Each structure stands twice: as structure tokens, then as C-alpha cells.
Amino acid sequence: MARILLIEDSPTDTAVLTQLLERNGHDVLSSGSAEDGIEVCRREKPDLVLMDVVLPGMNGFQATRALSRDADTKSIPVLIVSTKGMETDKAWGLRQGAKDYIVKPPREDELVARINALLGG
């Protein structure tokens, strides 16, 4: 079981992803904005961050870059989960420090497999 921080502004997506993660044995923390998510990440030190890209204020790419460059959080893998599915979006997300990128809506088995791979499980 891992502690996963979900940074997502859509209440529907938050509910769906939280249920999926909990069904697969994970503890879920959630945040509705990038700025708040960065603070939660620094404070709670989750095992993994699931990051939306389209967020109010700071976007998920900027937040991923901030987390991957912060000494306190750079060891926490970020998996971007976004509707932005172009190869350029994926490449940019990975350049910002994300360890993986999956397009919404993710299939449960694929998302779980990618989470497990990032957690070394």
C-alpha cells in the first residue's frame, strides 16, 4: 500500500481516481490546486504524486517542475494524468521531471501497473 497524492481540480475525476486507488489498496490524499498540492507534498511526503495538467493558477507542468527541483520532494515520483494526449505534451511533461505520463481516462489495469512500476512493486 502506498500513500498517493492526487492533484486534480475536477471533483468527478478526484472521486473516480480516489475510488480506483483505494480499491487497489492505496491511501489517497487529494488537492484541488497545484500550489496547495506542492505544500501537501512537502508536508506529507507521499510515495507518489498523480498530477493533472490543466489546473487553476499554476499548471501541472509547472508544479511537476517545482516538485522535481525541490530537494525535499525530488525523490517522489510524479505521474501525470491528463486529457492532453499529444506526444509533445508527454515529452514536455517528462522534461519537467515527471516519471510517467498517462492520458485520461486511464484504464484501471494500466494505471495500477504504471503506479506499481514507479513504486518498484
Protein backbone atom coordinates (compact mmCIF):
# COMPACT_ATOMS: atom_id res chain seq x y z
CA MET A 1 0.00 0.00 0.00
CA ALA A 2 1.26 3.45 -0.92
CA ARG A 3 0.30 6.97 0.06
CA ILE A 4 -0.61 8.75 -3.17
CA LEU A 5 -1.21 12.47 -3.53
CA LEU A 6 -3.77 13.28 -6.23
CA ILE A 7 -3.51 16.85 -7.55
CA GLU A 8 -6.72 17.29 -9.55
CA ASP A 9 -9.26 20.13 -9.74
CA SER A 10 -12.21 18.11 -11.08
CA PRO A 11 -14.35 16.71 -8.24
CA THR A 12 -15.57 13.94 -10.57
CA ASP A 13 -12.06 12.88 -11.61
CA THR A 14 -10.91 13.13 -7.98
CA ALA A 15 -13.74 10.81 -6.87
CA VAL A 16 -13.18 8.29 -9.68
CA LEU A 17 -9.39 8.15 -9.23
CA THR A 18 -9.67 8.03 -5.42
CA GLN A 19 -12.05 5.05 -5.62
CA LEU A 20 -9.77 3.30 -8.12
CA LEU A 21 -6.67 3.83 -5.97
CA GLU A 22 -8.38 2.83 -2.71
CA ARG A 23 -9.82 -0.27 -4.38
CA ASN A 24 -6.22 -1.21 -5.19
CA GLY A 25 -5.08 -0.76 -1.59
CA HIS A 26 -3.66 2.76 -1.63
CA ASP A 27 -4.12 5.66 0.78
CA VAL A 28 -5.15 8.80 -1.09
CA LEU A 29 -4.52 12.44 -0.25
CA SER A 30 -6.03 14.98 -2.62
CA SER A 31 -5.55 18.60 -3.51
CA GLY A 32 -7.52 20.82 -5.91
CA SER A 33 -4.69 23.12 -6.99
CA ALA A 34 -1.03 22.89 -7.89
CA GLU A 35 0.03 25.40 -5.25
CA ASP A 36 -1.79 23.54 -2.48
CA GLY A 37 -0.60 20.21 -3.85
CA ILE A 38 3.04 21.31 -3.62
CA GLU A 39 2.52 22.28 0.03
CA VAL A 40 0.77 18.97 0.81
CA CYS A 41 3.59 17.10 -0.93
CA ARG A 42 6.26 18.87 1.13
CA ARG A 43 4.34 18.30 4.37
CA GLU A 44 3.07 14.74 3.88
CA LYS A 45 5.87 13.21 1.73
CA PRO A 46 3.60 10.82 -0.24
CA ASP A 47 5.09 7.83 -2.06
CA LEU A 48 3.79 9.08 -5.43
CA VAL A 49 2.02 12.10 -6.95
CA LEU A 50 -0.68 11.83 -9.62
CA MET A 51 -0.71 15.22 -11.35
CA ASP A 52 -3.35 16.77 -13.58
CA VAL A 53 -2.05 19.35 -16.09
CA VAL A 54 -4.99 21.73 -16.51
CA LEU A 55 -5.33 23.33 -13.07
CA PRO A 56 -6.39 26.77 -11.83
CA GLY A 57 -3.41 29.09 -11.34
CA MET A 58 -0.17 27.18 -11.71
CA ASN A 59 -0.49 24.28 -14.18
CA GLY A 60 0.61 20.70 -13.64
CA PHE A 61 3.74 21.06 -15.77
CA GLN A 62 4.91 23.97 -13.59
CA ALA A 63 4.05 22.08 -10.40
CA THR A 64 5.89 18.97 -11.63
CA ARG A 65 8.96 21.09 -12.35
CA ALA A 66 8.75 22.68 -8.89
CA LEU A 67 8.48 19.28 -7.15
CA SER A 68 11.25 17.69 -9.21
CA ARG A 69 13.66 20.55 -8.43
CA ASP A 70 12.88 20.81 -4.71
CA ALA A 71 15.36 18.91 -2.52
CA ASP A 72 12.52 17.82 -0.19
CA THR A 73 10.32 16.36 -2.94
CA LYS A 74 12.54 15.46 -5.91
CA SER A 75 12.69 11.79 -4.89
CA ILE A 76 8.86 11.49 -5.04
CA PRO A 77 7.83 10.22 -8.50
CA VAL A 78 5.22 12.26 -10.39
CA LEU A 79 2.84 10.50 -12.78
CA ILE A 80 0.98 13.00 -14.96
CA VAL A 81 -2.66 12.04 -15.64
CA SER A 82 -4.03 14.45 -18.24
CA THR A 83 -6.51 14.90 -21.07
CA LYS A 84 -3.62 16.46 -23.03
CA GLY A 85 -2.63 13.44 -25.10
CA MET A 86 -0.32 14.81 -27.80
CA GLU A 87 3.21 13.43 -27.95
CA THR A 88 4.53 16.98 -27.43
CA ASP A 89 2.56 17.21 -24.15
CA LYS A 90 4.00 13.89 -22.97
CA ALA A 91 7.53 14.89 -23.93
CA TRP A 92 7.16 18.25 -22.17
CA GLY A 93 5.75 16.61 -19.03
CA LEU A 94 8.67 14.19 -18.86
CA ARG A 95 11.13 17.06 -19.42
CA GLN A 96 9.60 18.83 -16.41
CA GLY A 97 10.55 15.86 -14.25
CA ALA A 98 7.53 13.54 -14.45
CA LYS A 99 8.48 9.85 -14.35
CA ASP A 100 5.50 8.79 -16.48
CA TYR A 101 2.50 10.23 -18.36
CA ILE A 102 -0.90 8.66 -18.93
CA VAL A 103 -3.89 10.08 -20.81
CA LYS A 104 -7.33 10.43 -19.18
CA PRO A 105 -9.38 8.50 -18.67
CA PRO A 106 -6.82 5.84 -17.74
CA ARG A 107 -7.73 2.16 -17.81
CA GLU A 108 -7.56 0.84 -14.27
CA ASP A 109 -5.17 -2.01 -15.02
CA GLU A 110 -2.79 0.26 -16.94
CA LEU A 111 -2.79 2.97 -14.26
CA VAL A 112 -2.23 0.44 -11.48
CA ALA A 113 0.60 -1.21 -13.45
CA ARG A 114 2.32 2.13 -14.01
CA ILE A 115 1.92 3.12 -10.35
CA ASN A 116 3.36 -0.23 -9.26
CA ALA A 117 6.29 0.17 -11.67
CA LEU A 118 7.08 3.64 -10.28
CA LEU A 119 6.82 2.38 -6.70
CA GLY A 120 9.13 -0.52 -7.53
CA GLY A 121 6.42 -3.07 -6.81
